[in-house]
PDB file of N, CA and C in Angstrom:
ATOM      1  N   UNK A   1       0.665  -1.140   0.230  1.00  0.00           N
ATOM      2  CA  UNK A   1       0.067   0.072  -0.046  1.00  0.00           C
ATOM      3  C   UNK A   1       1.301   1.575  -0.176  1.00  0.00           C
ATOM      4  N   UNK A   2       0.788   1.983  -1.180  1.00  0.00           N
ATOM      5  CA  UNK A   2       1.182   3.409  -0.875  1.00  0.00           C
ATOM      6  C   UNK A   2       0.977   4.306  -0.383  1.00  0.00           C
ATOM      7  N   UNK A   3       1.118   5.322   0.105  1.00  0.00           N
ATOM      8  CA  UNK A   3       1.444   6.423   0.712  1.00  0.00           C
ATOM      9  C   UNK A   3      -0.097   7.419   0.344  1.00  0.00           C
ATOM     10  N   UNK A   4      -0.080   7.444  -0.677  1.00  0.00           N
ATOM     11  CA  UNK A   4      -1.639   7.580  -1.461  1.00  0.00           C
ATOM     12  C   UNK A   4      -2.952   7.099  -1.108  1.00  0.00           C
ATOM     13  N   UNK A   5      -2.653   5.574  -1.515  1.00  0.00           N
ATOM     14  CA  UNK A   5      -3.683   4.963  -1.282  1.00  0.00           C
ATOM     15  C   UNK A   5      -3.872   4.660   0.158  1.00  0.00           C
ATOM     16  N   UNK A   6      -2.641   4.351   1.384  1.00  0.00           N
ATOM     17  CA  UNK A   6      -3.291   5.078   2.635  1.00  0.00           C
ATOM     18  C   UNK A   6      -3.758   6.635   3.022  1.00  0.00           C
ATOM     19  N   UNK A   7      -3.493   7.224   2.659  1.00  0.00           N
ATOM     20  CA  UNK A   7      -4.318   8.430   3.006  1.00  0.00           C
ATOM     21  C   UNK A   7      -5.663   8.482   2.644  1.00  0.00           C
ATOM     22  N   UNK A   8      -5.744   7.831   1.138  1.00  0.00           N
ATOM     23  CA  UNK A   8      -7.053   7.703   0.733  1.00  0.00           C
ATOM     24  C   UNK A   8      -8.036   6.839   1.850  1.00  0.00           C
ATOM     25  N   UNK A   9      -7.450   5.679   2.335  1.00  0.00           N
ATOM     26  CA  UNK A   9      -8.343   5.122   3.344  1.00  0.00           C
ATOM     27  C   UNK A   9      -8.377   5.565   4.700  1.00  0.00           C
ATOM     28  N   UNK A  10      -7.691   6.797   4.875  1.00  0.00           N
ATOM     29  CA  UNK A  10      -8.077   7.130   6.153  1.00  0.00           C
ATOM     30  C   UNK A  10      -9.003   8.109   5.909  1.00  0.00           C
ATOM     31  N   UNK A  11      -8.868   8.543   4.767  1.00  0.00           N
ATOM     32  CA  UNK A  11     -10.460   9.510   4.554  1.00  0.00           C
ATOM     33  C   UNK A  11     -11.379   8.856   4.435  1.00  0.00           C
ATOM     34  N   UNK A  12     -11.322   8.040   3.956  1.00  0.00           N
ATOM     35  CA  UNK A  12     -12.676   7.170   3.912  1.00  0.00           C
ATOM     36  C   UNK A  12     -13.032   6.478   5.521  1.00  0.00           C
ATOM     37  N   UNK A  13     -11.953   6.317   6.478  1.00  0.00           N
ATOM     38  CA  UNK A  13     -12.477   5.996   7.905  1.00  0.00           C
ATOM     39  C   UNK A  13     -13.183   7.066   8.510  1.00  0.00           C
ATOM     40  N   UNK A  14     -12.546   8.629   8.194  1.00  0.00           N
ATOM     41  CA  UNK A  14     -13.030   9.866   8.978  1.00  0.00           C
ATOM     42  C   UNK A  14     -14.302   9.845   8.262  1.00  0.00           C
ATOM     43  N   UNK A  15     -14.436   9.554   6.917  1.00  0.00           N
ATOM     44  CA  UNK A  15     -15.544  10.132   6.481  1.00  0.00           C
ATOM     45  C   UNK A  15     -16.879   9.546   7.256  1.00  0.00           C
ATOM     46  N   UNK A  16     -16.435   8.311   7.000  1.00  0.00           N
ATOM     47  CA  UNK A  16     -17.054   6.943   7.912  1.00  0.00           C
ATOM     48  C   UNK A  16     -17.726   7.110   9.381  1.00  0.00           C
ATOM     49  N   UNK A  17     -16.655   8.083   9.968  1.00  0.00           N
ATOM     50  CA  UNK A  17     -17.075   8.587  11.523  1.00  0.00           C
ATOM     51  C   UNK A  17     -17.587   9.379  11.357  1.00  0.00           C
ATOM     52  N   UNK A  18     -17.708  10.254  10.581  1.00  0.00           N
ATOM     53  CA  UNK A  18     -18.060  11.641  10.667  1.00  0.00           C
ATOM     54  C   UNK A  18     -19.897  11.386  10.416  1.00  0.00           C
ATOM     55  N   UNK A  19     -20.169  10.098   9.504  1.00  0.00           N
ATOM     56  CA  UNK A  19     -21.376   9.592   9.570  1.00  0.00           C
ATOM     57  C   UNK A  19     -22.216   9.418  10.039  1.00  0.00           C
ATOM     58  N   UNK A  20     -21.301   8.316  11.048  1.00  0.00           N
ATOM     59  CA  UNK A  20     -21.806   7.741  12.271  1.00  0.00           C
ATOM     60  C   UNK A  20     -21.851   9.066  13.464  1.00  0.00           C
ATOM     61  N   UNK A  21     -21.640   9.645  13.449  1.00  0.00           N
ATOM     62  CA  UNK A  21     -21.401  11.025  14.604  1.00  0.00           C
ATOM     63  C   UNK A  21     -22.599  11.764  14.595  1.00  0.00           C
ATOM     64  N   UNK A  22     -23.250  11.908  13.064  1.00  0.00           N
ATOM     65  CA  UNK A  22     -24.043  12.982  12.671  1.00  0.00           C
ATOM     66  C   UNK A  22     -25.519  12.169  13.061  1.00  0.00           C
ATOM     67  N   UNK A  23     -25.273  10.727  12.404  1.00  0.00           N
ATOM     68  CA  UNK A  23     -26.630   9.932  12.934  1.00  0.00           C
ATOM     69  C   UNK A  23     -26.515   9.371  14.147  1.00  0.00           C
ATOM     70  N   UNK A  24     -25.975   9.780  14.501  1.00  0.00           N
ATOM     71  CA  UNK A  24     -25.963   9.479  16.879  1.00  0.00           C
ATOM     72  C   UNK A  24     -26.437  10.609  17.024  1.00  0.00           C
ATOM     73  N   UNK A  25     -25.827  11.771  16.347  1.00  0.00           N
ATOM     74  CA  UNK A  25     -26.321  13.547  17.003  1.00  0.00           C
ATOM     75  C   UNK A  25     -28.086  13.192  16.609  1.00  0.00           C
ATOM     76  N   UNK A  26     -28.493  12.763  15.561  1.00  0.00           N
ATOM     77  CA  UNK A  26     -29.476  12.938  14.990  1.00  0.00           C
ATOM     78  C   UNK A  26     -30.455  12.081  16.165  1.00  0.00           C
ATOM     79  N   UNK A  27     -30.483  10.937  16.690  1.00  0.00           N
ATOM     80  CA  UNK A  27     -30.826  10.314  17.222  1.00  0.00           C
ATOM     81  C   UNK A  27     -31.906  10.732  18.618  1.00  0.00           C
ATOM     82  N   UNK A  28     -32.825  11.234  19.141  1.00  0.00           N
ATOM     83  CA  UNK A  28     -33.311  11.558  19.597  1.00  0.00           C
ATOM     84  C   UNK A  28     -33.582  10.516  20.992  1.00  0.00           C
ATOM     85  N   UNK A  29     -33.578   9.763  20.440  1.00  0.00           N
ATOM     86  CA  UNK A  29     -32.883   8.086  22.404  1.00  0.00           C
ATOM     87  C   UNK A  29     -31.679   8.759  22.604  1.00  0.00           C
ATOM     88  N   UNK A  30     -30.872   8.625  22.035  1.00  0.00           N
ATOM     89  CA  UNK A  30     -29.570   8.866  22.746  1.00  0.00           C
ATOM     90  C   UNK A  30     -29.175  10.201  23.527  1.00  0.00           C
ATOM     91  N   UNK A  31     -29.578  11.322  23.232  1.00  0.00           N
ATOM     92  CA  UNK A  31     -29.867  12.547  23.900  1.00  0.00           C
ATOM     93  C   UNK A  31     -30.854  12.147  25.482  1.00  0.00           C
ATOM     94  N   UNK A  32     -32.174  11.417  24.425  1.00  0.00           N
ATOM     95  CA  UNK A  32     -33.315  11.158  25.802  1.00  0.00           C
ATOM     96  C   UNK A  32     -32.554  10.342  26.987  1.00  0.00           C
ATOM     97  N   UNK A  33     -31.200   9.420  27.053  1.00  0.00           N
ATOM     98  CA  UNK A  33     -30.994   8.994  28.021  1.00  0.00           C
ATOM     99  C   UNK A  33     -30.217   9.466  28.662  1.00  0.00           C
ATOM    100  N   UNK A  34     -29.525  11.171  28.499  1.00  0.00           N
ATOM    101  CA  UNK A  34     -29.331  11.364  29.189  1.00  0.00           C
ATOM    102  C   UNK A  34     -29.982  12.294  29.786  1.00  0.00           C
ATOM    103  N   UNK A  35     -31.269  12.486  30.252  1.00  0.00           N
ATOM    104  CA  UNK A  35     -32.282  13.592  30.759  1.00  0.00           C
ATOM    105  C   UNK A  35     -33.059  12.306  31.325  1.00  0.00           C
ATOM    106  N   UNK A  36     -33.695  13.020  33.348  1.00  0.00           N
ATOM    107  CA  UNK A  36     -34.145  12.068  33.573  1.00  0.00           C
ATOM    108  C   UNK A  36     -35.838  11.543  33.196  1.00  0.00           C
ATOM    109  N   UNK A  37     -36.390  12.495  32.438  1.00  0.00           N
ATOM    110  CA  UNK A  37     -37.841  12.769  32.427  1.00  0.00           C
ATOM    111  C   UNK A  37     -38.012  11.833  31.224  1.00  0.00           C
ATOM    112  N   UNK A  38     -36.855  11.495  30.147  1.00  0.00           N
ATOM    113  CA  UNK A  38     -37.034  10.891  29.153  1.00  0.00           C
ATOM    114  C   UNK A  38     -36.173   9.610  29.331  1.00  0.00           C
ATOM    115  N   UNK A  39     -35.824   9.050  30.186  1.00  0.00           N
ATOM    116  CA  UNK A  39     -34.627   8.069  30.471  1.00  0.00           C
ATOM    117  C   UNK A  39     -35.460   6.979  30.119  1.00  0.00           C
ATOM    118  N   UNK A  40     -34.943   5.659  29.731  1.00  0.00           N
ATOM    119  CA  UNK A  40     -35.687   4.901  29.893  1.00  0.00           C
ATOM    120  C   UNK A  40     -35.785   3.757  30.921  1.00  0.00           C
ATOM    121  N   UNK A  41     -34.732   3.397  31.587  1.00  0.00           N
ATOM    122  CA  UNK A  41     -34.893   3.684  32.586  1.00  0.00           C
ATOM    123  C   UNK A  41     -35.600   3.565  33.756  1.00  0.00           C
ATOM    124  N   UNK A  42     -36.359   4.405  34.437  1.00  0.00           N
ATOM    125  CA  UNK A  42     -37.594   4.539  35.031  1.00  0.00           C
ATOM    126  C   UNK A  42     -38.554   3.763  34.373  1.00  0.00           C
ATOM    127  N   UNK A  43     -38.428   3.685  33.190  1.00  0.00           N
ATOM    128  CA  UNK A  43     -40.196   3.156  32.273  1.00  0.00           C
ATOM    129  C   UNK A  43     -40.154   2.242  32.085  1.00  0.00           C
ATOM    130  N   UNK A  44     -38.760   1.243  32.164  1.00  0.00           N
ATOM    131  CA  UNK A  44     -38.308  -0.316  32.234  1.00  0.00           C
ATOM    132  C   UNK A  44     -38.238  -1.339  33.189  1.00  0.00           C
ATOM    133  N   UNK A  45     -38.009  -0.009  34.163  1.00  0.00           N
ATOM    134  CA  UNK A  45     -37.623  -0.590  35.484  1.00  0.00           C
ATOM    135  C   UNK A  45     -38.714  -1.999  36.044  1.00  0.00           C
ATOM    136  N   UNK A  46     -40.434  -1.190  35.742  1.00  0.00           N
ATOM    137  CA  UNK A  46     -41.417  -2.031  36.106  1.00  0.00           C
ATOM    138  C   UNK A  46     -41.670  -3.504  35.469  1.00  0.00           C
ATOM    139  N   UNK A  47     -41.291  -3.070  34.424  1.00  0.00           N
ATOM    140  CA  UNK A  47     -41.097  -4.406  33.403  1.00  0.00           C
ATOM    141  C   UNK A  47     -40.193  -5.424  33.334  1.00  0.00           C
ATOM    142  N   UNK A  48     -38.768  -5.476  33.932  1.00  0.00           N
ATOM    143  CA  UNK A  48     -37.758  -6.228  34.175  1.00  0.00           C
ATOM    144  C   UNK A  48     -38.201  -7.690  34.379  1.00  0.00           C
ATOM    145  N   UNK A  49     -38.156  -8.839  34.081  1.00  0.00           N
ATOM    146  CA  UNK A  49     -38.185  -9.989  34.105  1.00  0.00           C
ATOM    147  C   UNK A  49     -37.004 -10.842  35.359  1.00  0.00           C
ATOM    148  N   UNK A  50     -37.348 -11.763  35.862  1.00  0.00           N
ATOM    149  CA  UNK A  50     -36.742 -12.579  36.318  1.00  0.00           C
ATOM    150  C   UNK A  50     -35.165 -12.951  36.027  1.00  0.00           C
ATOM    151  N   UNK A  51     -34.912 -12.613  34.592  1.00  0.00           N
ATOM    152  CA  UNK A  51     -33.492 -12.459  33.871  1.00  0.00           C
ATOM    153  C   UNK A  51     -32.807 -11.364  33.795  1.00  0.00           C
ATOM    154  N   UNK A  52     -33.499 -10.562  34.359  1.00  0.00           N
ATOM    155  CA  UNK A  52     -33.018  -9.116  34.443  1.00  0.00           C
ATOM    156  C   UNK A  52     -33.468  -8.184  33.014  1.00  0.00           C
ATOM    157  N   UNK A  53     -33.790  -9.097  32.147  1.00  0.00           N
ATOM    158  CA  UNK A  53     -34.555  -8.265  30.523  1.00  0.00           C
ATOM    159  C   UNK A  53     -35.475  -7.399  31.225  1.00  0.00           C
ATOM    160  N   UNK A  54     -35.606  -6.570  30.226  1.00  0.00           N
ATOM    161  CA  UNK A  54     -36.632  -5.606  29.888  1.00  0.00           C
ATOM    162  C   UNK A  54     -37.109  -5.546  28.824  1.00  0.00           C
ATOM    163  N   UNK A  55     -38.571  -5.735  28.106  1.00  0.00           N
ATOM    164  CA  UNK A  55     -38.846  -5.325  26.490  1.00  0.00           C
ATOM    165  C   UNK A  55     -38.665  -4.088  26.313  1.00  0.00           C
ATOM    166  N   UNK A  56     -38.365  -3.480  25.177  1.00  0.00           N
ATOM    167  CA  UNK A  56     -37.796  -2.095  24.947  1.00  0.00           C
ATOM    168  C   UNK A  56     -39.145  -1.394  24.936  1.00  0.00           C
ATOM    169  N   UNK A  57     -40.468  -2.226  24.420  1.00  0.00           N
ATOM    170  CA  UNK A  57     -41.590  -1.468  23.986  1.00  0.00           C
ATOM    171  C   UNK A  57     -42.577  -2.918  23.648  1.00  0.00           C
ATOM    172  N   UNK A  58     -43.837  -2.474  24.425  1.00  0.00           N
ATOM    173  CA  UNK A  58     -44.637  -3.409  23.852  1.00  0.00           C
ATOM    174  C   UNK A  58     -45.033  -4.176  22.785  1.00  0.00           C
ATOM    175  N   UNK A  59     -44.776  -3.151  21.646  1.00  0.00           N
ATOM    176  CA  UNK A  59     -45.011  -3.716  20.208  1.00  0.00           C
ATOM    177  C   UNK A  59     -43.633  -4.723  19.960  1.00  0.00           C
ATOM    178  N   UNK A  60     -42.371  -4.197  20.428  1.00  0.00           N
ATOM    179  CA  UNK A  60     -41.352  -5.330  20.608  1.00  0.00           C
ATOM    180  C   UNK A  60     -41.130  -5.937  20.934  1.00  0.00           C
ATOM    181  N   UNK A  61     -41.735  -6.806  21.379  1.00  0.00           N
ATOM    182  CA  UNK A  61     -41.681  -7.890  22.111  1.00  0.00           C
ATOM    183  C   UNK A  61     -40.381  -8.572  22.243  1.00  0.00           C
ATOM    184  N   UNK A  62     -39.672  -9.074  21.089  1.00  0.00           N
ATOM    185  CA  UNK A  62     -38.305  -9.547  21.437  1.00  0.00           C
ATOM    186  C   UNK A  62     -37.328  -8.772  21.234  1.00  0.00           C
ATOM    187  N   UNK A  63     -37.867  -7.758  21.303  1.00  0.00           N
ATOM    188  CA  UNK A  63     -36.631  -6.475  21.904  1.00  0.00           C
ATOM    189  C   UNK A  63     -35.971  -6.462  23.150  1.00  0.00           C
ATOM    190  N   UNK A  64     -35.204  -7.245  23.762  1.00  0.00           N
ATOM    191  CA  UNK A  64     -34.867  -6.745  25.159  1.00  0.00           C
ATOM    192  C   UNK A  64     -33.489  -6.128  25.487  1.00  0.00           C
ATOM    193  N   UNK A  65     -33.716  -5.357  26.298  1.00  0.00           N
ATOM    194  CA  UNK A  65     -32.634  -4.879  27.212  1.00  0.00           C
ATOM    195  C   UNK A  65     -32.280  -5.388  28.912  1.00  0.00           C
ATOM    196  N   UNK A  66     -30.777  -5.288  28.535  1.00  0.00           N
ATOM    197  CA  UNK A  66     -30.741  -5.598  30.226  1.00  0.00           C
ATOM    198  C   UNK A  66     -30.066  -4.432  30.887  1.00  0.00           C
ATOM    199  N   UNK A  67     -31.262  -4.284  31.903  1.00  0.00           N
ATOM    200  CA  UNK A  67     -31.389  -3.179  32.272  1.00  0.00           C
ATOM    201  C   UNK A  67     -30.265  -2.591  33.219  1.00  0.00           C
ATOM    202  N   UNK A  68     -29.815  -3.956  33.991  1.00  0.00           N
ATOM    203  CA  UNK A  68     -28.582  -3.204  34.341  1.00  0.00           C
ATOM    204  C   UNK A  68     -27.239  -3.015  34.032  1.00  0.00           C
ATOM    205  N   UNK A  69     -27.345  -3.038  32.469  1.00  0.00           N
ATOM    206  CA  UNK A  69     -26.522  -2.869  31.819  1.00  0.00           C
ATOM    207  C   UNK A  69     -26.462  -1.271  31.365  1.00  0.00           C
ATOM    208  N   UNK A  70     -28.009  -0.754  30.593  1.00  0.00           N
ATOM    209  CA  UNK A  70     -28.080  -0.529  30.390  1.00  0.00           C
ATOM    210  C   UNK A  70     -27.255   1.099  30.904  1.00  0.00           C
ATOM    211  N   UNK A  71     -27.497   1.529  31.844  1.00  0.00           N
ATOM    212  CA  UNK A  71     -25.952   2.557  32.245  1.00  0.00           C
ATOM    213  C   UNK A  71     -24.840   2.592  31.651  1.00  0.00           C
ATOM    214  N   UNK A  72     -23.656   1.418  32.119  1.00  0.00           N
ATOM    215  CA  UNK A  72     -22.506   1.202  31.616  1.00  0.00           C
ATOM    216  C   UNK A  72     -22.360   1.126  29.948  1.00  0.00           C
ATOM    217  N   UNK A  73     -23.515   0.557  29.713  1.00  0.00           N
ATOM    218  CA  UNK A  73     -23.604   1.244  27.886  1.00  0.00           C
ATOM    219  C   UNK A  73     -23.843   2.163  27.565  1.00  0.00           C
ATOM    220  N   UNK A  74     -24.295   3.005  27.908  1.00  0.00           N
ATOM    221  CA  UNK A  74     -24.802   4.320  27.622  1.00  0.00           C
ATOM    222  C   UNK A  74     -23.042   4.985  27.964  1.00  0.00           C
ATOM    223  N   UNK A  75     -22.661   4.947  28.805  1.00  0.00           N
ATOM    224  CA  UNK A  75     -21.479   5.499  28.709  1.00  0.00           C
ATOM    225  C   UNK A  75     -20.337   4.974  27.766  1.00  0.00           C
ATOM    226  N   UNK A  76     -20.286   4.115  27.640  1.00  0.00           N
ATOM    227  CA  UNK A  76     -19.499   3.484  26.539  1.00  0.00           C
ATOM    228  C   UNK A  76     -19.941   4.279  25.027  1.00  0.00           C
ATOM    229  N   UNK A  77     -21.226   4.173  25.070  1.00  0.00           N
ATOM    230  CA  UNK A  77     -21.454   4.890  23.687  1.00  0.00           C
ATOM    231  C   UNK A  77     -21.289   6.589  23.746  1.00  0.00           C
ATOM    232  N   UNK A  78     -21.373   7.178  25.040  1.00  0.00           N
ATOM    233  CA  UNK A  78     -21.262   8.786  25.349  1.00  0.00           C
ATOM    234  C   UNK A  78     -19.850   8.662  24.863  1.00  0.00           C
ATOM    235  N   UNK A  79     -18.528   7.840  25.852  1.00  0.00           N
ATOM    236  CA  UNK A  79     -16.975   8.369  25.748  1.00  0.00           C
ATOM    237  C   UNK A  79     -16.730   7.733  23.908  1.00  0.00           C
ATOM    238  N   UNK A  80     -17.438   7.237  22.960  1.00  0.00           N
ATOM    239  CA  UNK A  80     -17.174   7.210  21.595  1.00  0.00           C
ATOM    240  C   UNK A  80     -17.475   8.137  20.803  1.00  0.00           C
ATOM    241  N   UNK A  81     -18.730   8.848  21.697  1.00  0.00           N
ATOM    242  CA  UNK A  81     -19.049  10.002  20.721  1.00  0.00           C
ATOM    243  C   UNK A  81     -17.878  10.606  21.061  1.00  0.00           C
ATOM    244  N   UNK A  82     -17.319  11.337  22.929  1.00  0.00           N
ATOM    245  CA  UNK A  82     -16.579  12.502  22.723  1.00  0.00           C
ATOM    246  C   UNK A  82     -15.594  12.305  22.053  1.00  0.00           C
ATOM    247  N   UNK A  83     -15.067  10.423  21.732  1.00  0.00           N
ATOM    248  CA  UNK A  83     -13.697  10.929  21.202  1.00  0.00           C
ATOM    249  C   UNK A  83     -13.657  10.976  19.726  1.00  0.00           C
ATOM    250  N   UNK A  84     -14.988  10.699  19.137  1.00  0.00           N
ATOM    251  CA  UNK A  84     -14.997  11.104  17.519  1.00  0.00           C
ATOM    252  C   UNK A  84     -15.155  12.844  17.310  1.00  0.00           C
ATOM    253  N   UNK A  85     -15.887  13.321  18.059  1.00  0.00           N
ATOM    254  CA  UNK A  85     -15.984  14.655  18.042  1.00  0.00           C
ATOM    255  C   UNK A  85     -14.773  15.281  18.834  1.00  0.00           C
ATOM    256  N   UNK A  86     -13.962  14.641  19.036  1.00  0.00           N
ATOM    257  CA  UNK A  86     -12.791  15.067  19.645  1.00  0.00           C
ATOM    258  C   UNK A  86     -11.492  15.078  18.338  1.00  0.00           C
ATOM    259  N   UNK A  87     -11.563  14.016  17.649  1.00  0.00           N
ATOM    260  CA  UNK A  87     -10.749  13.463  16.443  1.00  0.00           C
ATOM    261  C   UNK A  87     -11.516  14.323  15.170  1.00  0.00           C
ATOM    262  N   UNK A  88     -12.450  15.114  15.066  1.00  0.00           N
ATOM    263  CA  UNK A  88     -12.730  15.751  13.958  1.00  0.00           C
ATOM    264  C   UNK A  88     -13.313  17.026  14.469  1.00  0.00           C
ATOM    265  N   UNK A  89     -12.788  17.870  15.832  1.00  0.00           N
ATOM    266  CA  UNK A  89     -13.015  19.185  16.189  1.00  0.00           C
ATOM    267  C   UNK A  89     -12.375  19.933  14.991  1.00  0.00           C
ATOM    268  N   UNK A  90     -12.104  21.177  15.531  1.00  0.00           N
ATOM    269  CA  UNK A  90     -11.625  22.495  14.706  1.00  0.00           C
ATOM    270  C   UNK A  90     -12.213  22.648  13.294  1.00  0.00           C
ATOM    271  N   UNK A  91     -13.128  22.495  12.835  1.00  0.00           N
ATOM    272  CA  UNK A  91     -14.073  22.192  11.585  1.00  0.00           C
ATOM    273  C   UNK A  91     -14.035  21.244  11.051  1.00  0.00           C
ATOM    274  N   UNK A  92     -13.370  19.592  11.381  1.00  0.00           N
ATOM    275  CA  UNK A  92     -12.610  18.962  10.816  1.00  0.00           C
ATOM    276  C   UNK A  92     -14.488  18.305  10.573  1.00  0.00           C
ATOM    277  N   UNK A  93     -14.983  17.819  11.331  1.00  0.00           N
ATOM    278  CA  UNK A  93     -16.503  17.211  11.447  1.00  0.00           C
ATOM    279  C   UNK A  93     -17.003  17.686  10.558  1.00  0.00           C
ATOM    280  N   UNK A  94     -17.172  18.879  10.111  1.00  0.00           N
ATOM    281  CA  UNK A  94     -18.234  19.786   8.824  1.00  0.00           C
ATOM    282  C   UNK A  94     -17.495  19.755   7.326  1.00  0.00           C
ATOM    283  N   UNK A  95     -16.559  19.807   7.740  1.00  0.00           N
ATOM    284  CA  UNK A  95     -15.402  19.134   6.481  1.00  0.00           C
ATOM    285  C   UNK A  95     -15.791  17.681   6.061  1.00  0.00           C
ATOM    286  N   UNK A  96     -15.706  17.122   6.841  1.00  0.00           N
ATOM    287  CA  UNK A  96     -15.422  15.777   6.193  1.00  0.00           C
ATOM    288  C   UNK A  96     -16.718  15.243   6.149  1.00  0.00           C
ATOM    289  N   UNK A  97     -17.551  15.326   6.701  1.00  0.00           N
ATOM    290  CA  UNK A  97     -19.086  15.270   6.503  1.00  0.00           C
ATOM    291  C   UNK A  97     -19.408  15.815   5.260  1.00  0.00           C
ATOM    292  N   UNK A  98     -19.016  16.728   4.978  1.00  0.00           N
ATOM    293  CA  UNK A  98     -19.418  17.593   3.362  1.00  0.00           C
ATOM    294  C   UNK A  98     -18.911  16.941   2.562  1.00  0.00           C
ATOM    295  N   UNK A  99     -17.742  16.498   3.200  1.00  0.00           N
ATOM    296  CA  UNK A  99     -17.237  15.763   1.312  1.00  0.00           C
ATOM    297  C   UNK A  99     -17.821  14.117   1.739  1.00  0.00           C
ATOM    298  N   UNK A 100     -17.865  13.653   2.599  1.00  0.00           N
ATOM    299  CA  UNK A 100     -18.710  12.309   2.577  1.00  0.00           C
ATOM    300  C   UNK A 100     -20.211  12.291   1.704  1.00  0.00           C
ATOM    301  N   UNK A 101     -21.008  13.640   2.271  1.00  0.00           N
ATOM    302  CA  UNK A 101     -21.969  13.838   1.741  1.00  0.00           C
ATOM    303  C   UNK A 101     -21.560  13.771   0.420  1.00  0.00           C
ATOM    304  N   UNK A 102     -20.531  14.624  -0.575  1.00  0.00           N
ATOM    305  CA  UNK A 102     -20.299  14.861  -2.257  1.00  0.00           C
ATOM    306  C   UNK A 102     -20.054  13.733  -2.546  1.00  0.00           C
ATOM    307  N   UNK A 103     -19.271  12.745  -1.682  1.00  0.00           N
ATOM    308  CA  UNK A 103     -18.918  11.221  -2.427  1.00  0.00           C
ATOM    309  C   UNK A 103     -20.127  10.734  -2.737  1.00  0.00           C
ATOM    310  N   UNK A 104     -21.258  10.808  -1.890  1.00  0.00           N
ATOM    311  CA  UNK A 104     -22.482  10.181  -1.624  1.00  0.00           C
ATOM    312  C   UNK A 104     -23.370  10.028  -2.702  1.00  0.00           C
ATOM    313  N   UNK A 105     -23.598  11.825  -3.148  1.00  0.00           N
ATOM    314  CA  UNK A 105     -24.740  12.162  -4.233  1.00  0.00           C
ATOM    315  C   UNK A 105     -23.805  12.043  -5.614  1.00  0.00           C
ATOM    316  N   UNK A 106     -22.110  12.116  -5.766  1.00  0.00           N
ATOM    317  CA  UNK A 106     -21.592  11.732  -6.602  1.00  0.00           C
ATOM    318  C   UNK A 106     -21.652  10.026  -7.301  1.00  0.00           C
ATOM    319  N   UNK A 107     -21.581   9.145  -6.033  1.00  0.00           N
ATOM    320  CA  UNK A 107     -21.740   7.280  -6.360  1.00  0.00           C
ATOM    321  C   UNK A 107     -23.174   7.762  -6.674  1.00  0.00           C
ATOM    322  N   UNK A 108     -24.226   8.340  -6.178  1.00  0.00           N
ATOM    323  CA  UNK A 108     -25.986   7.994  -6.754  1.00  0.00           C
ATOM    324  C   UNK A 108     -26.205   8.221  -7.622  1.00  0.00           C
ATOM    325  N   UNK A 109     -25.461   9.485  -8.487  1.00  0.00           N
ATOM    326  CA  UNK A 109     -25.054  10.412 -10.026  1.00  0.00           C
ATOM    327  C   UNK A 109     -25.340   9.250 -10.808  1.00  0.00           C
ATOM    328  N   UNK A 110     -23.612   8.149 -10.467  1.00  0.00           N
ATOM    329  CA  UNK A 110     -22.928   7.531 -11.174  1.00  0.00           C
ATOM    330  C   UNK A 110     -24.143   6.031 -11.270  1.00  0.00           C
ATOM    331  N   UNK A 111     -24.610   5.676 -10.091  1.00  0.00           N
ATOM    332  CA  UNK A 111     -25.442   4.637 -10.163  1.00  0.00           C
ATOM    333  C   UNK A 111     -26.798   4.913 -11.195  1.00  0.00           C
ATOM    334  N   UNK A 112     -27.366   6.360 -11.454  1.00  0.00           N
ATOM    335  CA  UNK A 112     -28.699   6.158 -11.872  1.00  0.00           C
ATOM    336  C   UNK A 112     -28.005   6.376 -13.495  1.00  0.00           C
ATOM    337  N   UNK A 113     -27.017   7.040 -13.892  1.00  0.00           N
ATOM    338  CA  UNK A 113     -26.380   7.514 -14.911  1.00  0.00           C
ATOM    339  C   UNK A 113     -25.883   5.633 -15.869  1.00  0.00           C
ATOM    340  N   UNK A 114     -25.729   4.762 -14.774  1.00  0.00           N
ATOM    341  CA  UNK A 114     -25.472   3.472 -15.710  1.00  0.00           C
ATOM    342  C   UNK A 114     -26.451   2.789 -15.142  1.00  0.00           C
ATOM    343  N   UNK A 115     -27.494   3.126 -15.030  1.00  0.00           N
ATOM    344  CA  UNK A 115     -28.935   1.957 -14.906  1.00  0.00           C
ATOM    345  C   UNK A 115     -29.627   2.692 -15.945  1.00  0.00           C
ATOM    346  N   UNK A 116     -29.453   3.906 -16.530  1.00  0.00           N
ATOM    347  CA  UNK A 116     -29.809   4.849 -17.806  1.00  0.00           C
ATOM    348  C   UNK A 116     -29.316   4.353 -19.345  1.00  0.00           C
ATOM    349  N   UNK A 117     -28.130   4.239 -19.147  1.00  0.00           N
ATOM    350  CA  UNK A 117     -27.478   3.931 -20.269  1.00  0.00           C
ATOM    351  C   UNK A 117     -26.985   2.600 -20.863  1.00  0.00           C
TER     352      UNK A 117
END
């Protein structure tokens, strides 16, 4: 792998990180977990089964969360978000996210052109 290829791979990783960070930021569920009024913990505590699992919602009875693990899992995600924000600080997030969006639009145009022609 030459230096240009390595740099290209790093750019793609940065773009993927920026897209993931943007997706997390857009999720109300993420922010809600850090607010006492909207956190899942109080709502799910009465629903915990003997095995420690609680259903996320009545409509999703096949999706469970281990309530005792939820705070530590949220802390892990929070640390990852903070590290990602640190790596993409100083305007790098906006630039990298913009580059990712441009690349995605270009790929969509190429795909549309190839299916048309």
